[in-house]
Amino acid sequence: MHDHGVRNVVIPDKGKPTKAQHAVEHRRGVRRTIKWRTECEGRISTLIRGQGWNRGRFDSTEGARIWVGHGALAHNQTKIAALTA
């Protein structure tokens, strides 16, 4: 992945990490990327449980983009409503 220009490769290896892997996995950029990915997965989980996102109703990449956009808007509206109530 580094050969293709990816700076922070965040794919965990199986097993106990070596000292070199440990040093790479604890760099600031990698930690920030892991936190970002974890936050995204939490939001997706909330959408699946609360907004009926358990099944995608699309048949193309454009349809998937629209579905994700609508899900993000629904999630944001839910959060705004909870904060203003």
N, C-alpha and C. Protein backbone atom coordinates (compact mmCIF):
# COMPACT_ATOMS: atom_id res chain seq x y z
N MET A 1 0.82 -1.18 0.00
CA MET A 1 0.00 0.00 0.00
C MET A 1 0.87 1.25 0.00
N HIS A 2 2.01 1.16 0.65
CA HIS A 2 2.92 2.31 0.65
C HIS A 2 3.40 2.63 -0.77
N ASP A 3 3.52 1.58 -1.61
CA ASP A 3 3.95 1.79 -2.99
C ASP A 3 2.94 2.58 -3.79
N HIS A 4 1.68 2.58 -3.36
CA HIS A 4 0.62 3.30 -4.06
C HIS A 4 0.37 4.67 -3.48
N GLY A 5 1.19 5.12 -2.54
CA GLY A 5 1.08 6.47 -2.01
C GLY A 5 0.29 6.61 -0.73
N VAL A 6 -0.10 5.49 -0.11
CA VAL A 6 -0.84 5.56 1.15
C VAL A 6 0.16 5.81 2.27
N ARG A 7 -0.04 6.91 3.02
CA ARG A 7 0.91 7.26 4.07
C ARG A 7 0.70 6.46 5.34
N ASN A 8 -0.56 6.34 5.78
CA ASN A 8 -0.86 5.64 7.02
C ASN A 8 -1.64 4.37 6.73
N VAL A 9 -0.95 3.27 6.65
CA VAL A 9 -1.59 1.99 6.42
C VAL A 9 -2.08 1.49 7.78
N VAL A 10 -3.39 1.31 7.89
CA VAL A 10 -3.98 0.94 9.18
C VAL A 10 -4.70 -0.39 9.00
N ILE A 11 -3.94 -1.42 8.72
CA ILE A 11 -4.48 -2.77 8.62
C ILE A 11 -3.72 -3.59 9.66
N PRO A 12 -4.40 -3.97 10.76
CA PRO A 12 -3.69 -4.69 11.81
C PRO A 12 -3.26 -6.08 11.35
N ASP A 13 -2.09 -6.49 11.81
CA ASP A 13 -1.60 -7.83 11.51
C ASP A 13 -2.06 -8.78 12.60
N LYS A 14 -2.19 -10.05 12.23
CA LYS A 14 -2.56 -11.05 13.22
C LYS A 14 -1.35 -11.40 14.07
N GLY A 15 -1.62 -11.83 15.28
CA GLY A 15 -0.55 -12.26 16.15
C GLY A 15 0.07 -11.11 16.92
N LYS A 16 1.08 -11.45 17.70
CA LYS A 16 1.76 -10.45 18.52
C LYS A 16 2.67 -9.60 17.63
N PRO A 17 2.54 -8.26 17.73
CA PRO A 17 3.36 -7.41 16.86
C PRO A 17 4.83 -7.41 17.29
N THR A 18 5.69 -7.28 16.30
CA THR A 18 7.11 -7.15 16.58
C THR A 18 7.37 -5.73 17.08
N LYS A 19 8.57 -5.46 17.52
CA LYS A 19 8.89 -4.11 18.00
C LYS A 19 8.78 -3.09 16.88
N ALA A 20 9.15 -3.48 15.66
CA ALA A 20 9.03 -2.56 14.53
C ALA A 20 7.56 -2.27 14.22
N GLN A 21 6.71 -3.30 14.22
CA GLN A 21 5.29 -3.10 13.98
C GLN A 21 4.67 -2.26 15.09
N HIS A 22 5.08 -2.50 16.31
CA HIS A 22 4.56 -1.74 17.45
C HIS A 22 4.89 -0.25 17.29
N ALA A 23 6.11 0.02 16.86
CA ALA A 23 6.52 1.42 16.67
C ALA A 23 5.70 2.08 15.56
N VAL A 24 5.44 1.35 14.49
CA VAL A 24 4.65 1.89 13.39
C VAL A 24 3.20 2.12 13.82
N GLU A 25 2.62 1.16 14.54
CA GLU A 25 1.21 1.25 14.93
C GLU A 25 0.96 2.35 15.95
N HIS A 26 1.98 2.83 16.63
CA HIS A 26 1.79 3.85 17.65
C HIS A 26 2.22 5.24 17.19
N ARG A 27 2.43 5.40 15.89
CA ARG A 27 2.69 6.74 15.37
C ARG A 27 1.42 7.56 15.42
N ARG A 28 1.57 8.86 15.48
CA ARG A 28 0.42 9.76 15.64
C ARG A 28 -0.58 9.62 14.50
N GLY A 29 -0.12 9.57 13.28
CA GLY A 29 -1.02 9.48 12.13
C GLY A 29 -1.83 8.20 12.13
N VAL A 30 -1.19 7.11 12.50
CA VAL A 30 -1.89 5.82 12.54
C VAL A 30 -2.94 5.83 13.65
N ARG A 31 -2.58 6.36 14.80
CA ARG A 31 -3.55 6.43 15.92
C ARG A 31 -4.74 7.29 15.55
N ARG A 32 -4.50 8.43 14.89
CA ARG A 32 -5.60 9.31 14.49
C ARG A 32 -6.51 8.60 13.48
N THR A 33 -5.92 7.86 12.55
CA THR A 33 -6.71 7.15 11.55
C THR A 33 -7.55 6.05 12.20
N ILE A 34 -6.99 5.35 13.17
CA ILE A 34 -7.74 4.32 13.88
C ILE A 34 -8.91 4.94 14.63
N LYS A 35 -8.70 6.07 15.28
CA LYS A 35 -9.79 6.74 16.00
C LYS A 35 -10.87 7.18 15.03
N TRP A 36 -10.49 7.72 13.88
CA TRP A 36 -11.47 8.15 12.88
C TRP A 36 -12.29 6.97 12.40
N ARG A 37 -11.62 5.84 12.12
CA ARG A 37 -12.32 4.65 11.64
C ARG A 37 -13.28 4.12 12.70
N THR A 38 -12.86 4.15 13.96
CA THR A 38 -13.71 3.68 15.04
C THR A 38 -14.96 4.56 15.17
N GLU A 39 -14.80 5.87 15.05
CA GLU A 39 -15.95 6.76 15.10
C GLU A 39 -16.91 6.49 13.95
N CYS A 40 -16.39 6.26 12.76
CA CYS A 40 -17.23 5.97 11.60
C CYS A 40 -18.01 4.68 11.82
N GLU A 41 -17.35 3.66 12.35
CA GLU A 41 -18.03 2.40 12.58
C GLU A 41 -19.14 2.55 13.61
N GLY A 42 -18.94 3.40 14.62
CA GLY A 42 -19.98 3.65 15.61
C GLY A 42 -21.18 4.33 14.99
N ARG A 43 -20.95 5.29 14.12
CA ARG A 43 -22.06 5.98 13.45
C ARG A 43 -22.81 5.03 12.54
N ILE A 44 -22.09 4.18 11.84
CA ILE A 44 -22.74 3.20 10.96
C ILE A 44 -23.59 2.25 11.78
N SER A 45 -23.07 1.82 12.93
CA SER A 45 -23.83 0.93 13.81
C SER A 45 -25.11 1.60 14.29
N THR A 46 -25.03 2.89 14.63
CA THR A 46 -26.21 3.64 15.05
C THR A 46 -27.23 3.72 13.92
N LEU A 47 -26.76 3.95 12.71
CA LEU A 47 -27.67 4.02 11.57
C LEU A 47 -28.33 2.67 11.30
N ILE A 48 -27.58 1.59 11.45
CA ILE A 48 -28.14 0.27 11.22
C ILE A 48 -29.24 -0.02 12.23
N ARG A 49 -28.98 0.28 13.50
CA ARG A 49 -29.96 -0.01 14.55
C ARG A 49 -31.13 0.96 14.54
N GLY A 50 -30.86 2.26 14.40
CA GLY A 50 -31.90 3.25 14.60
C GLY A 50 -32.59 3.76 13.35
N GLN A 51 -31.94 3.68 12.21
CA GLN A 51 -32.52 4.28 11.00
C GLN A 51 -32.90 3.24 9.95
N GLY A 52 -32.81 1.96 10.27
CA GLY A 52 -33.20 0.93 9.31
C GLY A 52 -32.21 0.76 8.17
N TRP A 53 -30.95 0.90 8.47
CA TRP A 53 -29.92 0.80 7.44
C TRP A 53 -29.43 -0.63 7.26
N ASN A 54 -30.22 -1.60 7.70
CA ASN A 54 -29.75 -2.98 7.64
C ASN A 54 -29.78 -3.54 6.23
N ARG A 55 -30.41 -2.84 5.31
CA ARG A 55 -30.46 -3.32 3.94
C ARG A 55 -30.34 -2.14 3.00
N GLY A 56 -29.37 -2.21 2.11
CA GLY A 56 -29.20 -1.13 1.15
C GLY A 56 -30.15 -1.30 -0.02
N ARG A 57 -30.83 -0.25 -0.40
CA ARG A 57 -31.75 -0.30 -1.52
C ARG A 57 -31.15 0.47 -2.70
N PHE A 58 -30.17 -0.13 -3.29
CA PHE A 58 -29.50 0.51 -4.41
C PHE A 58 -28.98 -0.57 -5.35
N ASP A 59 -28.77 -0.19 -6.59
CA ASP A 59 -28.26 -1.15 -7.56
C ASP A 59 -27.08 -0.60 -8.36
N SER A 60 -26.52 0.50 -7.91
CA SER A 60 -25.35 1.08 -8.59
C SER A 60 -24.53 1.86 -7.58
N THR A 61 -23.37 2.31 -8.01
CA THR A 61 -22.53 3.13 -7.15
C THR A 61 -23.22 4.45 -6.85
N GLU A 62 -23.89 5.02 -7.84
CA GLU A 62 -24.61 6.27 -7.62
C GLU A 62 -25.73 6.08 -6.61
N GLY A 63 -26.43 4.96 -6.69
CA GLY A 63 -27.48 4.66 -5.73
C GLY A 63 -26.92 4.51 -4.32
N ALA A 64 -25.75 3.88 -4.21
CA ALA A 64 -25.11 3.72 -2.90
C ALA A 64 -24.73 5.07 -2.32
N ARG A 65 -24.24 5.97 -3.16
CA ARG A 65 -23.88 7.31 -2.69
C ARG A 65 -25.10 8.06 -2.18
N ILE A 66 -26.20 7.95 -2.90
CA ILE A 66 -27.43 8.61 -2.46
C ILE A 66 -27.90 8.01 -1.14
N TRP A 67 -27.86 6.69 -1.02
CA TRP A 67 -28.30 6.01 0.20
C TRP A 67 -27.45 6.44 1.40
N VAL A 68 -26.15 6.52 1.21
CA VAL A 68 -25.26 6.94 2.29
C VAL A 68 -25.53 8.40 2.64
N GLY A 69 -25.73 9.24 1.64
CA GLY A 69 -26.04 10.65 1.91
C GLY A 69 -27.31 10.83 2.70
N HIS A 70 -28.34 10.09 2.34
CA HIS A 70 -29.60 10.17 3.07
C HIS A 70 -29.43 9.66 4.50
N GLY A 71 -28.65 8.61 4.66
CA GLY A 71 -28.40 8.08 6.00
C GLY A 71 -27.66 9.08 6.87
N ALA A 72 -26.67 9.76 6.27
CA ALA A 72 -25.92 10.76 7.03
C ALA A 72 -26.82 11.93 7.42
N LEU A 73 -27.68 12.37 6.51
CA LEU A 73 -28.63 13.45 6.84
C LEU A 73 -29.58 13.03 7.96
N ALA A 74 -30.08 11.79 7.88
CA ALA A 74 -30.98 11.31 8.92
C ALA A 74 -30.28 11.26 10.27
N HIS A 75 -29.04 10.81 10.26
CA HIS A 75 -28.27 10.74 11.51
C HIS A 75 -28.04 12.14 12.08
N ASN A 76 -27.65 13.08 11.22
CA ASN A 76 -27.42 14.45 11.68
C ASN A 76 -28.69 15.09 12.22
N GLN A 77 -29.82 14.86 11.56
CA GLN A 77 -31.08 15.42 12.04
C GLN A 77 -31.45 14.83 13.41
N THR A 78 -31.20 13.56 13.58
CA THR A 78 -31.48 12.92 14.88
C THR A 78 -30.62 13.53 15.97
N LYS A 79 -29.34 13.74 15.67
CA LYS A 79 -28.43 14.33 16.67
C LYS A 79 -28.83 15.78 16.98
N ILE A 80 -29.19 16.56 15.97
CA ILE A 80 -29.59 17.94 16.19
C ILE A 80 -30.87 18.00 17.03
N ALA A 81 -31.82 17.13 16.72
CA ALA A 81 -33.07 17.10 17.48
C ALA A 81 -32.81 16.74 18.94
N ALA A 82 -31.90 15.82 19.18
CA ALA A 82 -31.59 15.43 20.56
C ALA A 82 -30.90 16.57 21.30
N LEU A 83 -30.06 17.33 20.63
CA LEU A 83 -29.34 18.42 21.28
C LEU A 83 -30.25 19.63 21.55
N THR A 84 -31.25 19.85 20.71
CA THR A 84 -32.11 21.01 20.90
C THR A 84 -33.30 20.71 21.83
N ALA A 85 -33.55 19.46 22.11
CA ALA A 85 -34.70 19.10 22.98
C ALA A 85 -34.40 19.33 24.43
